[in-house]
C-alpha cells in the first residue's frame, strides 16, 4: 500500500495539474467531465435531500401523527448507517456502475410507491405505512449506490493531472444541486401536493439510462 502511494505521488509529480477552465475546454476530457457532473446530479436530484430535510413533514403528509413521523425520521438515519456499511464490501464485488444502477433503479421504484401511497392515503388507511416503508427503502437504495459511488466514479475517471480540477467542479455542481433542492422543495411540495415525488422519478429514470449507456 505504501509503495502504491509512492507510485501515485511520482505519477502526480510527473503529470502537470490543469486548471478548471483548461479542463472544461479540453475536448479529450469533456466526456469524462460530463459523466462526472451527471453522476453528481444523479445523487442530488434523486430526491434524497427532500427526504433528509423534510422527512417529518413528508411522513405527516402521508397520514402519520407527529410522534410517529419523528420515529420514522430516526429510522432513516439508522438505515443510512447500516446500508453504507453493507455497501462498502459490495463496491468491489459488484462494481461501481452495477451498484449505482441498482441504487437508482430501487429509488425509482420506491419513489413511484411513495407517490401512489400519497394519492390513495385517504381511501386506504394503511397507505401511510406504505409511505413509511417506501421512504425507508428509498433511503436504503440511495445508501447502496448514489450515496457514495458518484464521488468514486468521478475520481476514477481522471488521471492525477486533471483530477483536482475535476473534483472541484464535482463538488461545486453537487452543492449547487443540493441548494436548489433544499430551497425549492417546499414550493414544489405546495404546488404538486401528492405528486411531489414524480419529478424525482423522472430524473431517476433519466440518470439510470445515462449510467447504463455512458458510464464505463
Protein backbone atom coordinates (compact mmCIF):
# COMPACT_ATOMS: atom_id res chain seq x y z
CA UNK A 1 0.00 0.00 0.00
CA UNK A 2 2.81 2.41 0.86
CA UNK A 3 4.54 1.58 -2.42
CA UNK A 4 1.31 2.28 -4.31
CA UNK A 5 1.03 5.66 -2.59
CA UNK A 6 4.62 6.48 -3.54
CA UNK A 7 3.98 5.44 -7.14
CA UNK A 8 0.87 7.61 -7.22
CA UNK A 9 2.85 10.54 -5.84
CA UNK A 10 5.52 10.08 -8.51
CA UNK A 11 2.83 9.94 -11.21
CA UNK A 12 1.27 13.12 -9.85
CA UNK A 13 4.60 14.94 -9.91
CA UNK A 14 5.25 13.77 -13.46
CA UNK A 15 1.86 14.93 -14.75
CA UNK A 16 1.18 18.65 -14.66
CA UNK A 17 -2.01 19.82 -13.00
CA UNK A 18 -4.53 21.70 -15.11
CA UNK A 19 -6.99 24.42 -14.15
CA UNK A 20 -10.76 24.12 -14.09
CA UNK A 21 -11.03 26.25 -17.23
CA UNK A 22 -8.47 24.11 -19.06
CA UNK A 23 -10.42 21.02 -18.04
CA UNK A 24 -13.71 22.46 -19.29
CA UNK A 25 -12.14 23.48 -22.62
CA UNK A 26 -10.30 20.19 -23.20
CA UNK A 27 -12.00 18.09 -25.93
CA UNK A 28 -10.40 14.86 -24.71
CA UNK A 29 -11.57 15.37 -21.12
CA UNK A 30 -15.05 16.65 -21.95
CA UNK A 31 -16.74 13.23 -21.96
CA UNK A 32 -15.45 12.13 -18.54
CA UNK A 33 -16.24 15.58 -17.16
CA UNK A 34 -19.85 15.32 -18.35
CA UNK A 35 -20.11 11.84 -16.83
CA UNK A 36 -18.72 13.14 -13.54
CA UNK A 37 -21.18 16.05 -13.48
CA UNK A 38 -24.16 13.82 -14.27
CA UNK A 39 -23.06 11.41 -11.53
CA UNK A 40 -23.19 14.26 -9.02
CA UNK A 41 -26.61 15.35 -10.29
CA UNK A 42 -27.85 11.76 -10.01
CA UNK A 43 -27.09 11.98 -6.31
CA UNK A 44 -28.65 15.36 -5.57
CA UNK A 45 -31.62 15.36 -7.98
CA UNK A 46 -32.70 11.88 -6.90
CA UNK A 47 -34.92 13.39 -4.20
CA UNK A 48 -32.82 12.17 -1.30
CA UNK A 49 -32.33 15.62 0.21
CA UNK A 50 -36.05 16.21 0.08
CA UNK A 51 -36.30 13.16 2.34
CA UNK A 52 -33.40 14.21 4.57
CA UNK A 53 -34.51 17.82 5.02
CA UNK A 54 -38.27 17.38 5.12
CA UNK A 55 -38.83 13.77 6.18
CA UNK A 56 -41.00 14.64 9.19
CA UNK A 57 -43.27 16.83 7.04
CA UNK A 58 -43.46 14.12 4.38
CA UNK A 59 -44.45 11.48 6.92
CA UNK A 60 -47.07 13.77 8.47
CA UNK A 61 -48.40 14.46 4.97
CA UNK A 62 -48.72 10.71 4.43
CA UNK A 63 -51.07 10.47 7.41
CA UNK A 64 -48.77 9.71 10.36
CA UNK A 65 -49.02 11.50 13.69
CA UNK A 66 -46.26 13.95 14.62
CA UNK A 67 -44.80 11.47 17.13
CA UNK A 68 -44.80 8.59 14.64
CA UNK A 69 -43.27 10.83 11.98
CA UNK A 70 -40.36 11.63 14.29
CA UNK A 71 -39.68 7.94 14.92
CA UNK A 72 -39.81 7.25 11.18
CA UNK A 73 -37.26 10.03 10.64
CA UNK A 74 -34.93 8.38 13.16
CA UNK A 75 -35.32 5.18 11.13
CA UNK A 76 -33.93 6.99 8.08
CA UNK A 77 -30.69 7.72 9.91
CA UNK A 78 -30.38 4.12 11.06
CA UNK A 79 -30.96 2.80 7.54
CA UNK A 80 -28.27 5.13 6.15
CA UNK A 81 -25.65 3.91 8.62
CA UNK A 82 -26.45 0.20 8.18
CA UNK A 83 -26.64 0.25 4.38
CA UNK A 84 -23.50 2.34 3.99
CA UNK A 85 -21.58 -0.28 5.96
CA UNK A 86 -23.11 -3.09 3.89
CA UNK A 87 -22.35 -1.34 0.58
CA UNK A 88 -18.60 -0.99 1.26
CA UNK A 89 -17.70 -4.65 0.51
CA UNK A 90 -20.24 -4.74 -2.34
CA UNK A 91 -18.47 -1.97 -4.27
CA UNK A 92 -15.50 -4.12 -5.25
CA UNK A 93 -17.56 -7.29 -5.59
CA UNK A 94 -20.31 -5.91 -7.85
CA UNK A 95 -18.56 -2.90 -9.35
CA UNK A 96 -19.33 0.81 -9.06
CA UNK A 97 -21.52 1.02 -12.17
CA UNK A 98 -23.65 -2.03 -11.31
CA UNK A 99 -24.22 -0.89 -7.74
CA UNK A 100 -25.15 2.60 -8.94
CA UNK A 101 -27.67 1.12 -11.37
CA UNK A 102 -29.20 -0.99 -8.60
CA UNK A 103 -29.41 2.06 -6.36
CA UNK A 104 -31.04 4.30 -8.97
CA UNK A 105 -33.43 1.53 -10.05
CA UNK A 106 -34.55 0.84 -6.49
CA UNK A 107 -35.02 4.54 -5.79
CA UNK A 108 -37.12 4.90 -8.94
CA UNK A 109 -39.42 2.03 -7.94
CA UNK A 110 -39.93 3.30 -4.40
CA UNK A 111 -40.39 6.92 -5.48
CA UNK A 112 -43.35 5.66 -7.52
CA UNK A 113 -44.60 3.76 -4.45
CA UNK A 114 -44.36 6.96 -2.39
CA UNK A 115 -46.44 8.83 -4.97
CA UNK A 116 -49.06 6.05 -5.04
CA UNK A 117 -49.29 5.99 -1.24
CA UNK A 118 -49.82 9.77 -1.17
CA UNK A 119 -52.52 9.57 -3.84
CA UNK A 120 -54.69 6.92 -2.16
CA UNK A 121 -53.90 7.54 1.51
CA UNK A 122 -57.40 8.89 2.16
CA UNK A 123 -59.07 5.85 0.60
CA UNK A 124 -56.97 3.19 2.33
CA UNK A 125 -55.89 3.72 5.92
CA UNK A 126 -52.71 1.65 5.85
CA UNK A 127 -51.25 3.63 2.94
CA UNK A 128 -49.43 5.80 5.48
CA UNK A 129 -47.41 2.72 6.44
CA UNK A 130 -46.65 2.02 2.78
CA UNK A 131 -45.33 5.58 2.54
CA UNK A 132 -43.00 4.99 5.50
CA UNK A 133 -41.74 1.62 4.21
CA UNK A 134 -41.27 3.03 0.70
CA UNK A 135 -39.33 6.02 2.04
CA UNK A 136 -37.06 3.80 4.13
CA UNK A 137 -36.43 1.57 1.10
CA UNK A 138 -35.79 4.70 -0.98
CA UNK A 139 -33.08 5.70 1.51
CA UNK A 140 -31.71 2.14 1.58
CA UNK A 141 -31.12 2.10 -2.17
CA UNK A 142 -29.60 5.59 -2.02
CA UNK A 143 -27.06 4.42 0.57
CA UNK A 144 -26.36 1.35 -1.55
CA UNK A 145 -25.27 3.31 -4.61
CA UNK A 146 -25.84 7.02 -5.27
CA UNK A 147 -24.80 7.99 -1.75
CA UNK A 148 -21.09 7.42 -2.31
CA UNK A 149 -20.42 5.99 -5.75
CA UNK A 150 -20.64 9.28 -7.75
CA UNK A 151 -17.59 10.55 -5.85
CA UNK A 152 -15.63 7.37 -6.57
CA UNK A 153 -16.55 7.25 -10.24
CA UNK A 154 -15.67 10.93 -10.74
CA UNK A 155 -12.24 10.46 -9.15
CA UNK A 156 -11.51 7.28 -11.10
CA UNK A 157 -12.39 8.85 -14.47
CA UNK A 158 -9.38 11.19 -14.33
CA UNK A 159 -5.63 10.78 -14.06
CA UNK A 160 -3.58 12.68 -11.47
CA UNK A 161 -3.22 15.88 -13.51
CA UNK A 162 -6.86 16.85 -14.12
CA UNK A 163 -8.29 15.09 -11.05
CA UNK A 164 -8.12 18.06 -8.60
CA UNK A 165 -9.91 20.35 -11.07
CA UNK A 166 -12.48 17.64 -11.86
CA UNK A 167 -13.23 17.05 -8.18
CA UNK A 168 -13.56 20.81 -7.61
CA UNK A 169 -16.16 21.03 -10.37
CA UNK A 170 -17.92 17.95 -8.97
CA UNK A 171 -18.13 19.50 -5.50
CA UNK A 172 -19.45 22.76 -6.97
CA UNK A 173 -22.16 21.01 -9.01
CA UNK A 174 -23.09 18.78 -6.08
CA UNK A 175 -23.62 21.65 -3.65
CA UNK A 176 -25.46 23.84 -6.16
CA UNK A 177 -27.90 21.00 -6.84
CA UNK A 178 -28.18 20.34 -3.10
CA UNK A 179 -29.03 24.02 -2.52
CA UNK A 180 -31.61 24.10 -5.32
CA UNK A 181 -33.43 21.02 -3.98
CA UNK A 182 -33.27 22.23 -0.39
CA UNK A 183 -34.65 25.67 -1.23
CA UNK A 184 -37.11 24.60 -3.91
CA UNK A 185 -38.69 21.51 -2.39
CA UNK A 186 -41.20 23.27 -0.06
CA UNK A 187 -42.59 25.23 -3.03
CA UNK A 188 -42.65 22.06 -5.11
CA UNK A 189 -44.49 20.25 -2.33
CA UNK A 190 -47.11 23.02 -2.15
CA UNK A 191 -47.54 23.10 -5.93
CA UNK A 192 -47.57 19.36 -6.68
CA UNK A 193 -49.03 18.07 -3.39
CA UNK A 194 -49.44 14.30 -3.75
CA UNK A 195 -47.35 14.27 -6.93
CA UNK A 196 -44.32 15.80 -5.19
CA UNK A 197 -42.00 12.86 -5.89
CA UNK A 198 -42.96 12.45 -9.54
CA UNK A 199 -40.27 14.85 -10.88
CA UNK A 200 -37.67 12.89 -8.92
CA UNK A 201 -38.95 9.67 -10.50
CA UNK A 202 -38.39 11.21 -13.94
CA UNK A 203 -34.86 12.31 -13.01
CA UNK A 204 -34.06 8.85 -11.63
CA UNK A 205 -35.18 7.20 -14.87
CA UNK A 206 -33.02 9.60 -16.92
CA UNK A 207 -29.99 9.03 -14.70
CA UNK A 208 -30.45 5.24 -14.85
CA UNK A 209 -30.48 5.32 -18.66
CA UNK A 210 -27.45 7.64 -18.75
CA UNK A 211 -25.49 5.41 -16.35
CA UNK A 212 -26.38 2.29 -18.32
CA UNK A 213 -25.34 3.79 -21.65
CA UNK A 214 -22.45 6.12 -20.81
CA UNK A 215 -20.71 5.16 -17.57
CA UNK A 216 -17.82 2.74 -18.14
